[in-house]
């Protein structure tokens, strides 16, 4: 089987993790408390019913654990939540009153990448049952979702992850609607996402951890990780993660026998092309949480390493991160409050020179990185007809460029408020899911707004996450518009302002416009018969010499000149009959002056 091939080929690079025994030795754990992974020497992982039974068993056995469901999947399964807390701090109010930091750990959003489930269960067991990690709860409340994608978890067999070295069987990447939940955080189409947002809004965690497994390349590291550290996140939060995670947690995890590096995404085809930092947009979990002014830590264990190495590596990262949060909770609270306060205060004034980043990329500036890879070669492939990479088994350190400087590609000066007409109920519902605060117009009002004419619309040729996404060119406009009673007024002086900006600014990579919530504004509903438009065109030319000049210039384009319909549309689209339909007019307004009803 292909996993045996991986184990043999990569065994030489696993020596450094063979003594990684910071997780409780399974031989010292009562048999009834061993996880399925531990009982099978990490050959298997539990099915959903087994996993829920284990969660409920922890609840019954210990006053430190409570089991809950945060919601239902489309197939009717409960999405499990385990809360680990001392002092009965099982509500956000009590946790805050006791001065505890709240750490939210999520596993199984991609249900084939299930390392976090088995690592998290072992950690909670070691806290509540064997008591070897009891001190972790001194200053921290843990929210643990062991299986987020519960339906995908039960789409279960040995052929879900072609690259992955164990367990023997696993779940599927997508949910039962074939949605990738790690692309759904903004549009919130899935019931799982809406349950997640409800949980987030209730608890407002201090730090978020998302557990995954890599795809792709081979290297020596058994754990990779990433967190937002460019202009998309508050400098206070970035600084905290740089000091406390990179500076304190990573060395402790490596002392346990793991080898860590930042998430590996090669900038070129070959290893020597270097690594470019992956910048998660808001549709990803760890791209979303920075918009909520919280650090989001991505754990990506290495797909080719044995399941035991990956689970134990995840366990060590979780353990030491929680420990660091507990030891440094005061500074984490300061960073989070600073980010929240700055967001609210900035939203109280309109500054046309402010640059809120919508889209980021890495620059061409690089620094040298000592990368712990394995030997490889490139050779011609008789299968694909192109080059293929062939990894060897010998560890090798390469000095390669690392591209880790961010630049803003698109930015906007946020208004004081956005205003959304009441007929866009699906848009307003999503704002509610995100916990975005808004007021409702009590009467119809004429309001001066900035907005956009959305030109050059282009729709994707294939579906993406059950939507036909689109791109366009937003051209700024300014006018008086009438907004009906029931329109919602979204102030930027709120903690969730960054989410609202990304949703409501058309140029954002995860905006409502991109996800197709406003497709109907591009649809022309009335037209003109050719013989009518002919007469209209002659009348328009008589009244407007500049229009005639523009028409003559267009006739220099042979394709335009040969197209009768295009020539007629030239005039119709410049007439009041077309302009009055407001095709491409973005209905959401930006209000830049203080507003009172």
Protein backbone atom coordinates (compact mmCIF):
# COMPACT_ATOMS: atom_id res chain seq x y z
CA UNK A 1 0.00 0.00 0.00
CA UNK A 2 1.23 3.54 -0.71
CA UNK A 3 1.59 4.41 3.01
CA UNK A 4 4.20 1.66 3.41
CA UNK A 5 6.14 3.24 0.58
CA UNK A 6 6.08 6.59 2.40
CA UNK A 7 7.21 5.06 5.67
CA UNK A 8 10.15 3.30 4.04
CA UNK A 9 11.21 6.22 1.88
CA UNK A 10 11.05 8.78 4.64
CA UNK A 11 12.12 6.83 7.67
CA UNK A 12 15.56 8.41 7.75
CA UNK A 13 14.13 11.88 8.32
CA UNK A 14 12.00 10.73 11.26
CA UNK A 15 14.81 9.96 13.68
CA UNK A 16 14.45 13.35 15.37
CA UNK A 17 10.85 12.67 16.38
CA UNK A 18 11.26 9.14 17.66
CA UNK A 19 11.73 10.29 21.24
CA UNK A 20 8.82 12.76 21.15
CA UNK A 21 7.13 11.41 24.26
CA UNK A 22 5.82 14.64 25.81
CA UNK A 23 2.33 13.27 25.25
CA UNK A 24 1.43 10.82 27.98
CA UNK A 25 2.90 7.38 27.34
CA UNK A 26 -0.06 5.20 26.29
CA UNK A 27 1.31 2.40 28.47
CA UNK A 28 0.67 4.49 31.59
CA UNK A 29 -2.87 5.43 30.66
CA UNK A 30 -5.75 3.30 31.94
CA UNK A 31 -6.98 1.25 28.96
CA UNK A 32 -10.49 2.70 29.24
CA UNK A 33 -9.06 6.20 28.68
CA UNK A 34 -6.84 5.47 25.73
CA UNK A 35 -7.99 7.05 22.49
CA UNK A 36 -8.61 4.89 19.45
CA UNK A 37 -5.32 6.17 18.03
CA UNK A 38 -3.41 5.14 21.15
CA UNK A 39 -5.07 1.72 21.36
CA UNK A 40 -4.05 0.93 17.79
CA UNK A 41 -0.55 2.45 17.98
CA UNK A 42 -1.82 5.29 15.80
CA UNK A 43 -2.98 3.09 12.97
CA UNK A 44 -6.61 4.16 13.31
CA UNK A 45 -8.72 7.12 14.36
CA UNK A 46 -12.17 6.96 15.90
CA UNK A 47 -15.42 7.16 13.99
CA UNK A 48 -17.93 9.87 14.86
CA UNK A 49 -19.98 7.80 17.34
CA UNK A 50 -16.82 6.67 19.14
CA UNK A 51 -15.53 10.23 19.29
CA UNK A 52 -18.80 11.59 20.70
CA UNK A 53 -18.91 8.76 23.25
CA UNK A 54 -15.37 9.64 24.38
CA UNK A 55 -16.33 13.31 24.70
CA UNK A 56 -19.40 12.51 26.79
CA UNK A 57 -17.39 10.09 28.90
CA UNK A 58 -14.96 12.91 29.76
CA UNK A 59 -17.93 15.08 30.73
CA UNK A 60 -19.36 12.43 33.06
CA UNK A 61 -16.02 11.54 34.62
CA UNK A 62 -14.70 15.00 35.41
CA UNK A 63 -16.10 18.28 36.77
CA UNK A 64 -13.47 20.00 34.65
CA UNK A 65 -15.14 19.04 31.34
CA UNK A 66 -18.52 19.89 29.83
CA UNK A 67 -19.82 18.48 26.55
CA UNK A 68 -22.16 20.53 24.35
CA UNK A 69 -23.36 20.70 20.78
CA UNK A 70 -22.87 23.99 18.98
CA UNK A 71 -25.33 23.07 16.21
CA UNK A 72 -26.40 20.51 13.64
CA UNK A 73 -24.88 19.57 10.30
CA UNK A 74 -26.98 19.15 7.17
CA UNK A 75 -27.14 15.40 7.86
CA UNK A 76 -28.34 16.05 11.39
CA UNK A 77 -25.17 15.32 13.34
CA UNK A 78 -24.27 17.34 16.41
CA UNK A 79 -21.13 19.45 16.11
CA UNK A 80 -19.37 18.68 19.39
CA UNK A 81 -17.79 21.16 21.78
CA UNK A 82 -15.81 20.28 24.88
CA UNK A 83 -15.19 23.04 27.41
CA UNK A 84 -12.31 22.45 29.83
CA UNK A 85 -12.34 24.81 32.80
CA UNK A 86 -11.59 24.99 36.49
CA UNK A 87 -13.76 26.98 38.87
CA UNK A 88 -16.87 25.96 36.89
CA UNK A 89 -16.01 28.64 34.33
CA UNK A 90 -18.22 27.09 31.64
CA UNK A 91 -19.71 30.39 30.47
CA UNK A 92 -17.89 33.32 28.87
CA UNK A 93 -19.18 35.60 31.62
CA UNK A 94 -17.73 33.46 34.41
CA UNK A 95 -14.50 32.89 32.52
CA UNK A 96 -14.04 36.64 32.17
CA UNK A 97 -15.02 37.26 35.77
CA UNK A 98 -12.32 34.81 36.87
CA UNK A 99 -9.77 36.55 34.64
CA UNK A 100 -9.15 33.51 32.46
CA UNK A 101 -7.97 33.55 28.88
CA UNK A 102 -10.11 31.64 26.38
CA UNK A 103 -8.33 29.43 23.85
CA UNK A 104 -10.45 27.99 21.02
CA UNK A 105 -9.02 24.86 19.37
CA UNK A 106 -10.63 23.55 16.19
CA UNK A 107 -9.95 20.15 14.63
CA UNK A 108 -11.31 18.33 11.62
CA UNK A 109 -12.51 21.23 9.48
CA UNK A 110 -10.91 19.06 6.78
CA UNK A 111 -12.01 15.74 8.19
CA UNK A 112 -9.25 13.74 6.54
CA UNK A 113 -6.71 15.92 8.36
CA UNK A 114 -7.77 14.63 11.74
CA UNK A 115 -4.58 14.89 13.83
CA UNK A 116 -6.06 17.62 16.03
CA UNK A 117 -8.93 15.42 17.19
CA UNK A 118 -6.70 12.72 18.62
CA UNK A 119 -4.18 15.21 20.02
CA UNK A 120 -6.91 17.31 21.64
CA UNK A 121 -8.67 14.34 23.20
CA UNK A 122 -5.36 13.12 24.68
CA UNK A 123 -4.64 16.59 26.06
CA UNK A 124 -8.06 16.97 27.70
CA UNK A 125 -7.74 13.46 29.10
CA UNK A 126 -4.34 14.35 30.56
CA UNK A 127 -5.85 17.48 32.09
CA UNK A 128 -9.02 15.99 33.54
CA UNK A 129 -8.35 12.28 34.11
CA UNK A 130 -4.63 11.57 34.59
CA UNK A 131 -4.14 15.16 35.86
CA UNK A 132 -0.65 15.37 34.30
CA UNK A 133 -1.59 18.63 32.55
CA UNK A 134 -3.99 19.99 35.17
CA UNK A 135 -2.03 23.23 35.56
CA UNK A 136 -3.06 24.28 32.05
CA UNK A 137 -6.49 25.23 33.41
CA UNK A 138 -5.14 27.55 36.08
CA UNK A 139 -5.46 30.62 33.87
CA UNK A 140 -7.12 29.27 30.71
CA UNK A 141 -10.51 27.99 29.56
CA UNK A 142 -10.23 25.65 26.57
CA UNK A 143 -12.94 25.43 23.91
CA UNK A 144 -12.27 22.29 21.86
CA UNK A 145 -14.22 21.29 18.76
CA UNK A 146 -12.79 17.82 18.03
CA UNK A 147 -14.69 17.34 14.76
CA UNK A 148 -15.92 20.49 13.04
CA UNK A 149 -16.79 18.89 9.69
CA UNK A 150 -18.86 16.08 11.19
CA UNK A 151 -20.51 14.90 7.96
CA UNK A 152 -17.21 14.88 6.09
CA UNK A 153 -15.73 12.91 8.98
CA UNK A 154 -18.20 10.06 8.31
CA UNK A 155 -17.48 10.04 4.59
CA UNK A 156 -14.79 7.63 5.70
CA UNK A 157 -12.43 5.25 3.90
CA UNK A 158 -8.80 4.54 3.06
CA UNK A 159 -8.72 6.57 -0.17
CA UNK A 160 -9.44 10.16 0.88
CA UNK A 161 -5.92 11.60 1.08
CA UNK A 162 -3.56 10.34 -1.62
CA UNK A 163 -0.48 11.94 -0.03
CA UNK A 164 -1.20 11.20 3.60
CA UNK A 165 0.71 8.67 5.70
CA UNK A 166 -2.02 7.43 8.09
CA UNK A 167 -4.33 6.78 9.75
CA UNK A 168 -5.57 3.74 7.83
CA UNK A 169 -8.96 5.34 7.14
CA UNK A 170 -10.07 8.94 7.42
CA UNK A 171 -12.81 11.40 6.53
CA UNK A 172 -13.24 13.73 3.57
CA UNK A 173 -12.18 17.32 2.99
CA UNK A 174 -15.64 18.75 2.27
CA UNK A 175 -18.95 18.58 4.13
CA UNK A 176 -22.05 16.73 2.95
CA UNK A 177 -22.87 19.57 0.53
CA UNK A 178 -19.35 19.28 -0.88
CA UNK A 179 -18.45 22.66 0.60
CA UNK A 180 -14.95 23.29 1.88
CA UNK A 181 -15.75 24.82 5.26
CA UNK A 182 -12.36 26.53 5.29
CA UNK A 183 -13.54 28.73 2.44
CA UNK A 184 -16.88 29.63 4.02
CA UNK A 185 -16.04 31.96 6.88
CA UNK A 186 -17.25 35.12 5.12
CA UNK A 187 -20.24 34.02 3.03
CA UNK A 188 -21.40 31.62 5.79
CA UNK A 189 -23.43 29.34 3.55
CA UNK A 190 -23.01 26.22 5.68
CA UNK A 191 -24.84 25.46 8.94
CA UNK A 192 -21.48 24.51 10.43
CA UNK A 193 -20.14 28.00 9.71
CA UNK A 194 -23.16 29.67 11.23
CA UNK A 195 -22.82 27.54 14.36
CA UNK A 196 -19.13 28.45 14.54
CA UNK A 197 -19.88 32.16 14.25
CA UNK A 198 -22.49 31.92 16.99
CA UNK A 199 -19.95 30.25 19.27
CA UNK A 200 -17.34 32.89 18.43
CA UNK A 201 -19.72 35.77 19.08
CA UNK A 202 -20.73 34.31 22.45
CA UNK A 203 -17.21 33.58 23.72
CA UNK A 204 -14.98 36.05 21.80
CA UNK A 205 -11.89 33.85 22.36
CA UNK A 206 -8.50 35.34 23.12
CA UNK A 207 -6.64 33.02 20.75
CA UNK A 208 -7.70 30.57 18.04
CA UNK A 209 -5.92 27.40 16.83
CA UNK A 210 -6.85 25.53 13.64
CA UNK A 211 -5.40 22.02 13.19
CA UNK A 212 -4.53 20.76 9.69
CA UNK A 213 -2.17 18.49 7.72
CA UNK A 214 -0.11 19.74 4.77
CA UNK A 215 -0.31 18.67 1.16
CA UNK A 216 2.52 18.63 -1.30
CA UNK A 217 6.22 18.98 -0.63
CA UNK A 218 8.65 16.79 1.32
CA UNK A 219 10.99 18.08 4.02
CA UNK A 220 12.28 17.19 7.49
CA UNK A 221 9.85 19.23 9.62
CA UNK A 222 6.99 17.31 11.23
CA UNK A 223 5.04 20.47 12.16
CA UNK A 224 4.62 23.69 10.23
CA UNK A 225 2.63 26.70 11.39
CA UNK A 226 1.57 30.20 10.43
CA UNK A 227 -0.25 33.25 11.78
CA UNK A 228 -1.13 36.59 10.24
CA UNK A 229 1.78 39.00 10.50
CA UNK A 230 1.35 41.56 7.75
CA UNK A 231 -0.92 44.60 7.45
CA UNK A 232 -4.05 42.46 7.82
CA UNK A 233 -3.61 42.11 11.59
CA UNK A 234 -3.20 44.52 14.48
CA UNK A 235 0.47 45.23 15.21
CA UNK A 236 -0.23 44.51 18.89
CA UNK A 237 -1.40 40.98 18.10
CA UNK A 238 1.45 40.35 15.66
CA UNK A 239 3.96 41.45 18.28
CA UNK A 240 2.43 39.15 20.89
CA UNK A 241 2.62 36.14 18.57
CA UNK A 242 6.17 36.98 17.48
CA UNK A 243 7.35 37.16 21.07
CA UNK A 244 5.28 34.46 22.73
CA UNK A 245 4.65 31.86 20.03
CA UNK A 246 7.70 32.16 17.80
CA UNK A 247 9.93 33.20 20.67
CA UNK A 248 8.74 30.94 23.50
CA UNK A 249 6.43 28.15 22.28
CA UNK A 250 8.39 26.99 19.24
CA UNK A 251 11.66 26.34 21.15
CA UNK A 252 9.76 24.40 23.83
CA UNK A 253 7.98 22.26 21.26
CA UNK A 254 11.26 21.53 19.51
CA UNK A 255 12.84 20.43 22.79
CA UNK A 256 10.27 17.62 22.82
CA UNK A 257 11.81 16.19 19.64
CA UNK A 258 9.75 18.00 17.01
CA UNK A 259 11.11 20.11 14.19
CA UNK A 260 9.09 23.23 13.29
CA UNK A 261 9.07 25.90 10.63
CA UNK A 262 6.63 28.41 9.23
CA UNK A 263 4.15 27.02 6.71
CA UNK A 264 5.89 25.85 3.55
CA UNK A 265 4.59 27.09 0.21
CA UNK A 266 7.26 27.07 -2.45
CA UNK A 267 7.49 30.25 -4.49
CA UNK A 268 8.64 28.30 -7.54
CA UNK A 269 8.43 24.80 -8.95
CA UNK A 270 11.61 23.66 -7.19
CA UNK A 271 12.72 23.93 -3.56
CA UNK A 272 15.52 26.31 -4.51
CA UNK A 273 12.95 28.81 -5.79
CA UNK A 274 12.28 29.70 -2.19
CA UNK A 275 9.30 29.97 0.13
CA UNK A 276 6.64 32.67 -0.07
CA UNK A 277 4.46 33.31 2.97
CA UNK A 278 0.88 32.17 2.47
CA UNK A 279 -1.48 35.07 3.16
CA UNK A 280 -4.87 33.75 4.20
CA UNK A 281 -7.77 35.86 2.97
CA UNK A 282 -10.84 36.20 5.23
CA UNK A 283 -12.59 33.12 3.82
CA UNK A 284 -10.05 30.99 5.74
CA UNK A 285 -10.33 30.46 9.50
CA UNK A 286 -6.94 31.98 10.26
CA UNK A 287 -7.58 34.81 7.79
CA UNK A 288 -10.92 35.55 9.46
CA UNK A 289 -9.87 35.72 13.11
CA UNK A 290 -7.45 38.66 12.57
CA UNK A 291 -10.47 40.62 11.31
CA UNK A 292 -12.00 39.91 14.72
CA UNK A 293 -8.82 41.25 16.35
CA UNK A 294 -7.59 37.86 17.52
CA UNK A 295 -4.57 35.76 16.63
CA UNK A 296 -5.32 32.70 14.55
CA UNK A 297 -2.66 30.00 14.69
CA UNK A 298 -2.56 27.53 11.82
CA UNK A 299 -0.99 24.15 12.60
CA UNK A 300 -0.07 22.10 9.51
CA UNK A 301 1.62 18.81 10.37
CA UNK A 302 3.65 17.20 7.60
CA UNK A 303 1.55 14.84 5.50
CA UNK A 304 4.32 12.28 4.87
CA UNK A 305 5.19 11.77 8.54
CA UNK A 306 3.56 8.84 10.40
CA UNK A 307 0.31 9.60 12.16
CA UNK A 308 1.94 9.12 15.58
CA UNK A 309 4.52 11.81 14.88
CA UNK A 310 1.88 14.21 13.60
CA UNK A 311 -0.53 13.70 16.51
CA UNK A 312 2.19 14.03 19.09
CA UNK A 313 3.57 17.12 17.38
CA UNK A 314 0.11 18.67 17.43
CA UNK A 315 -0.26 17.72 21.10
CA UNK A 316 2.99 19.48 21.96
CA UNK A 317 2.01 22.67 20.10
CA UNK A 318 -1.38 22.74 21.83
CA UNK A 319 0.10 22.05 25.25
CA UNK A 320 2.83 24.68 25.12
CA UNK A 321 0.63 27.30 23.44
CA UNK A 322 -2.00 26.97 26.17
CA UNK A 323 0.73 27.07 28.80
CA UNK A 324 2.18 30.24 27.29
CA UNK A 325 -1.24 31.88 27.11
CA UNK A 326 -1.80 31.07 30.76
CA UNK A 327 1.59 32.42 31.79
CA UNK A 328 1.27 35.55 29.65
CA UNK A 329 -2.47 36.19 29.72
CA UNK A 330 -2.08 39.79 30.90
CA UNK A 331 -0.04 40.79 27.87
CA UNK A 332 -2.40 38.87 25.56
CA UNK A 333 -5.38 40.71 27.06
CA UNK A 334 -3.58 44.02 26.50
CA UNK A 335 -2.88 43.13 22.86
CA UNK A 336 -6.49 42.12 22.22
CA UNK A 337 -7.99 45.14 24.00
CA UNK A 338 -5.58 47.41 22.14
CA UNK A 339 -6.70 45.95 18.81
CA UNK A 340 -10.39 46.22 19.70
CA UNK A 341 -10.06 49.76 21.02
CA UNK A 342 -8.11 50.96 17.99
CA UNK A 343 -10.70 49.47 15.66
CA UNK A 344 -13.58 51.21 17.44
CA UNK A 345 -11.78 54.53 17.80
CA UNK A 346 -10.62 54.57 14.18
CA UNK A 347 -14.19 53.92 13.07
CA UNK A 348 -15.43 57.09 14.76
CA UNK A 349 -13.83 59.39 12.20
CA UNK A 350 -13.58 59.40 8.42
CA UNK A 351 -10.13 59.91 6.97
CA UNK A 352 -10.00 59.82 3.16
CA UNK A 353 -6.24 59.14 3.37
CA UNK A 354 -6.61 56.05 5.54
CA UNK A 355 -5.44 52.84 3.86
CA UNK A 356 -7.41 49.81 5.07
CA UNK A 357 -5.88 46.76 3.33
CA UNK A 358 -8.22 44.64 1.23
CA UNK A 359 -5.72 42.54 -0.72
CA UNK A 360 -2.12 41.71 0.13
CA UNK A 361 0.77 39.89 -1.48
CA UNK A 362 4.44 39.32 -0.76
CA UNK A 363 7.10 41.54 -2.26
CA UNK A 364 10.14 40.40 -4.22
CA UNK A 365 12.37 41.16 -1.23
CA UNK A 366 13.74 38.01 0.39
CA UNK A 367 16.01 36.89 3.19
CA UNK A 368 18.10 33.69 3.21
CA UNK A 369 16.57 30.70 5.00
CA UNK A 370 18.34 27.53 6.11
CA UNK A 371 15.68 25.05 5.00
CA UNK A 372 15.78 21.49 6.31
CA UNK A 373 14.68 19.55 3.26
CA UNK A 374 15.55 16.23 1.66
CA UNK A 375 17.56 15.54 -1.45
CA UNK A 376 15.59 15.64 -4.68
CA UNK A 377 16.01 15.79 -8.42
CA UNK A 378 13.99 16.98 -11.40
CA UNK A 379 13.55 14.64 -14.33
CA UNK A 380 11.46 14.32 -17.47
CA UNK A 381 8.19 12.46 -16.96
CA UNK A 382 6.90 9.96 -19.50
CA UNK A 383 3.51 10.17 -17.75
CA UNK A 384 2.82 13.90 -17.74
CA UNK A 385 5.18 14.90 -20.53
CA UNK A 386 6.68 17.62 -18.28
CA UNK A 387 9.20 17.73 -15.47
CA UNK A 388 8.55 15.86 -12.24
CA UNK A 389 10.14 16.21 -8.83
CA UNK A 390 11.58 13.05 -7.27
CA UNK A 391 12.35 13.23 -3.56
CA UNK A 392 15.09 11.12 -2.04
CA UNK A 393 15.50 9.93 1.55
CA UNK A 394 18.64 11.78 2.60
CA UNK A 395 18.18 14.90 4.74
CA UNK A 396 19.72 17.98 3.16
CA UNK A 397 19.85 21.61 4.25
CA UNK A 398 19.32 24.19 1.52
CA UNK A 399 19.87 27.92 1.75
CA UNK A 400 16.89 29.33 -0.11
CA UNK A 401 15.16 32.73 -0.31
CA UNK A 402 12.22 33.39 1.96
CA UNK A 403 9.72 35.99 0.75
CA UNK A 404 8.19 37.30 3.94
CA UNK A 405 7.45 40.97 3.38
CA UNK A 406 3.85 41.99 2.76
CA UNK A 407 2.55 44.75 0.54
CA UNK A 408 -0.93 46.17 0.07
CA UNK A 409 -2.32 45.60 -3.43
CA UNK A 410 -5.79 47.03 -2.81
CA UNK A 411 -6.93 49.37 -0.07
CA UNK A 412 -9.84 51.61 0.80
CA UNK A 413 -10.63 54.48 3.14
CA UNK A 414 -13.57 53.10 5.17
CA UNK A 415 -16.60 55.34 5.63
CA UNK A 416 -18.32 56.10 8.92
CA UNK A 417 -21.23 53.86 7.93
CA UNK A 418 -22.38 51.54 5.19
CA UNK A 419 -26.05 51.45 4.30
CA UNK A 420 -27.69 48.35 2.80
CA UNK A 421 -31.20 48.45 1.24
CA UNK A 422 -33.74 46.17 2.99
CA UNK A 423 -34.43 43.99 -0.06
CA UNK A 424 -30.96 42.41 0.25
CA UNK A 425 -32.09 40.15 3.06
CA UNK A 426 -29.45 37.48 2.46
CA UNK A 427 -26.75 40.13 2.85
CA UNK A 428 -28.31 41.43 6.07
CA UNK A 429 -28.64 37.88 7.41
CA UNK A 430 -24.92 37.23 6.89
CA UNK A 431 -24.09 40.48 8.70
CA UNK A 432 -26.14 39.14 11.61
CA UNK A 433 -24.31 35.80 11.57
CA UNK A 434 -21.04 37.67 11.98
CA UNK A 435 -22.35 39.61 14.96
CA UNK A 436 -22.01 42.90 13.08
CA UNK A 437 -24.04 45.62 14.77
CA UNK A 438 -26.36 47.86 12.76
CA UNK A 439 -29.30 50.21 13.10
CA UNK A 440 -32.41 50.17 10.94
CA UNK A 441 -33.86 53.18 9.13
CA UNK A 442 -37.25 53.99 10.63
CA UNK A 443 -38.40 55.95 7.60
CA UNK A 444 -37.49 56.41 3.95
CA UNK A 445 -34.70 58.97 3.60
CA UNK A 446 -32.71 60.71 0.91
CA UNK A 447 -29.03 60.40 1.83
CA UNK A 448 -25.82 61.61 0.23
CA UNK A 449 -23.58 58.61 -0.25
CA UNK A 450 -20.44 57.44 -1.93
CA UNK A 451 -20.75 54.20 -3.84
CA UNK A 452 -19.53 52.45 -6.97
CA UNK A 453 -20.43 51.84 -10.57
CA UNK A 454 -19.39 48.22 -11.03
CA UNK A 455 -17.93 47.99 -14.52
CA UNK A 456 -16.30 45.24 -16.57
CA UNK A 457 -18.02 42.34 -14.75
CA UNK A 458 -16.54 38.90 -15.36
CA UNK A 459 -17.98 35.70 -13.95
CA UNK A 460 -15.98 32.56 -13.30
CA UNK A 461 -16.51 29.79 -15.82
CA UNK A 462 -16.76 27.15 -13.07
CA UNK A 463 -18.51 26.93 -9.75
CA UNK A 464 -16.42 27.62 -6.65
CA UNK A 465 -17.89 26.58 -3.29
CA UNK A 466 -21.35 26.33 -4.85
CA UNK A 467 -21.20 29.90 -6.19
CA UNK A 468 -20.31 31.52 -9.47
CA UNK A 469 -17.83 34.11 -8.28
CA UNK A 470 -17.21 37.32 -10.17
CA UNK A 471 -14.77 40.16 -10.51
CA UNK A 472 -15.40 43.71 -11.61
CA UNK A 473 -13.90 47.17 -11.61
CA UNK A 474 -15.47 49.42 -8.94
CA UNK A 475 -15.57 53.04 -10.14
CA UNK A 476 -16.27 55.47 -7.25
CA UNK A 477 -19.40 57.60 -7.47
CA UNK A 478 -21.08 60.17 -5.26
CA UNK A 479 -24.76 61.02 -5.31
CA UNK A 480 -27.95 61.42 -3.34
CA UNK A 481 -29.98 58.23 -3.07
CA UNK A 482 -33.29 57.33 -1.53
CA UNK A 483 -33.08 54.47 0.95
CA UNK A 484 -36.28 52.80 2.08
CA UNK A 485 -37.34 52.28 5.66
CA UNK A 486 -35.81 49.05 6.89
CA UNK A 487 -32.42 49.74 5.29
CA UNK A 488 -29.61 48.87 7.69
CA UNK A 489 -26.96 51.34 8.76
CA UNK A 490 -23.66 49.67 9.70
CA UNK A 491 -21.36 51.86 11.81
CA UNK A 492 -17.61 51.34 11.61
CA UNK A 493 -17.13 52.24 15.29
CA UNK A 494 -17.44 48.58 16.33
CA UNK A 495 -15.07 45.69 16.97
CA UNK A 496 -16.25 43.71 13.93
CA UNK A 497 -15.74 46.64 11.54
CA UNK A 498 -13.03 44.88 9.52
CA UNK A 499 -15.41 42.03 8.69
CA UNK A 500 -18.04 44.51 7.50
CA UNK A 501 -15.51 46.35 5.34
CA UNK A 502 -14.35 43.16 3.65
CA UNK A 503 -17.90 42.04 3.00
CA UNK A 504 -19.22 45.38 1.74
CA UNK A 505 -16.28 46.71 -0.27
CA UNK A 506 -16.55 45.20 -3.80
CA UNK A 507 -12.76 45.12 -4.25
CA UNK A 508 -12.24 42.76 -1.32
CA UNK A 509 -11.26 39.21 -2.33
CA UNK A 510 -14.12 37.86 -0.17
CA UNK A 511 -16.78 40.52 -0.62
CA UNK A 512 -20.49 39.99 -1.12
CA UNK A 513 -19.95 41.10 -4.72
CA UNK A 514 -17.24 38.48 -5.30
CA UNK A 515 -19.43 35.72 -3.86
CA UNK A 516 -22.38 36.63 -6.08
CA UNK A 517 -24.77 38.23 -3.59
CA UNK A 518 -25.28 41.20 -5.94
CA UNK A 519 -25.27 39.48 -9.35
CA UNK A 520 -28.72 40.81 -10.19
CA UNK A 521 -27.48 44.41 -10.36
CA UNK A 522 -25.65 43.53 -13.57
CA UNK A 523 -28.77 42.28 -15.32
CA UNK A 524 -30.36 44.50 -17.94
CA UNK A 525 -34.15 44.11 -17.85
CA UNK A 526 -35.27 46.41 -20.68
CA UNK A 527 -33.99 46.92 -24.19
CA UNK A 528 -34.88 48.69 -27.43
CA UNK A 529 -35.83 47.44 -30.87
CA UNK A 530 -33.29 48.33 -33.53
CA UNK A 531 -35.53 50.65 -35.51
CA UNK A 532 -36.37 52.61 -32.35
CA UNK A 533 -32.73 52.88 -31.27
CA UNK A 534 -31.83 54.03 -34.82
CA UNK A 535 -34.10 57.05 -34.41
CA UNK A 536 -32.87 57.66 -30.86
CA UNK A 537 -29.23 57.57 -32.03
CA UNK A 538 -29.82 60.15 -34.76
CA UNK A 539 -31.48 62.44 -32.25
CA UNK A 540 -28.62 62.02 -29.75
CA UNK A 541 -26.00 62.75 -32.44
CA UNK A 542 -27.78 65.94 -33.43
CA UNK A 543 -27.77 67.20 -29.83
CA UNK A 544 -24.25 66.11 -28.81
CA UNK A 545 -21.24 66.71 -31.11
CA UNK A 546 -18.91 65.08 -28.56
CA UNK A 547 -20.95 61.91 -28.78
CA UNK A 548 -20.43 61.89 -32.53
CA UNK A 549 -16.67 62.22 -32.02
CA UNK A 550 -16.70 59.31 -29.56
CA UNK A 551 -18.77 57.18 -31.98
CA UNK A 552 -16.38 57.89 -34.85
CA UNK A 553 -13.42 56.87 -32.68
CA UNK A 554 -15.12 53.58 -31.85
CA UNK A 555 -15.70 52.94 -35.56
CA UNK A 556 -11.93 52.72 -35.97
CA UNK A 557 -12.22 49.35 -34.23
CA UNK A 558 -13.03 46.91 -37.07
CA UNK A 559 -14.84 44.48 -34.76
CA UNK A 560 -17.10 47.25 -33.47
CA UNK A 561 -17.64 48.65 -36.94
CA UNK A 562 -18.79 45.23 -38.25
CA UNK A 563 -21.21 44.61 -35.38
CA UNK A 564 -24.63 46.25 -35.91
CA UNK A 565 -25.86 45.31 -32.44
CA UNK A 566 -22.78 46.78 -30.76
CA UNK A 567 -23.22 50.01 -32.71
CA UNK A 568 -26.84 50.33 -31.63
CA UNK A 569 -25.98 49.45 -28.02
CA UNK A 570 -23.41 52.22 -28.03
CA UNK A 571 -26.25 54.70 -28.17
CA UNK A 572 -28.77 52.81 -26.05
CA UNK A 573 -26.29 52.46 -23.19
CA UNK A 574 -25.76 56.24 -23.19
CA UNK A 575 -29.43 57.02 -23.19
CA UNK A 576 -31.69 57.71 -20.19
CA UNK A 577 -33.56 54.47 -20.97
CA UNK A 578 -30.49 52.43 -20.08
CA UNK A 579 -29.03 54.66 -17.38
CA UNK A 580 -32.33 54.73 -15.50
CA UNK A 581 -32.09 50.94 -15.04
CA UNK A 582 -28.96 51.47 -12.92
CA UNK A 583 -27.20 48.45 -14.40
CA UNK A 584 -23.99 47.87 -12.48
CA UNK A 585 -24.84 50.41 -9.80
CA UNK A 586 -23.77 49.06 -6.41
CA UNK A 587 -26.77 49.46 -4.09
CA UNK A 588 -24.72 49.69 -0.89
CA UNK A 589 -23.86 53.23 0.11
CA UNK A 590 -20.91 54.66 2.00
CA UNK A 591 -21.72 57.50 4.38
CA UNK A 592 -18.76 59.67 5.32
CA UNK A 593 -20.51 62.27 7.49
CA UNK A 594 -22.12 61.91 10.90
CA UNK A 595 -25.61 60.57 10.42
CA UNK A 596 -28.77 60.95 12.46
CA UNK A 597 -32.21 59.64 11.64
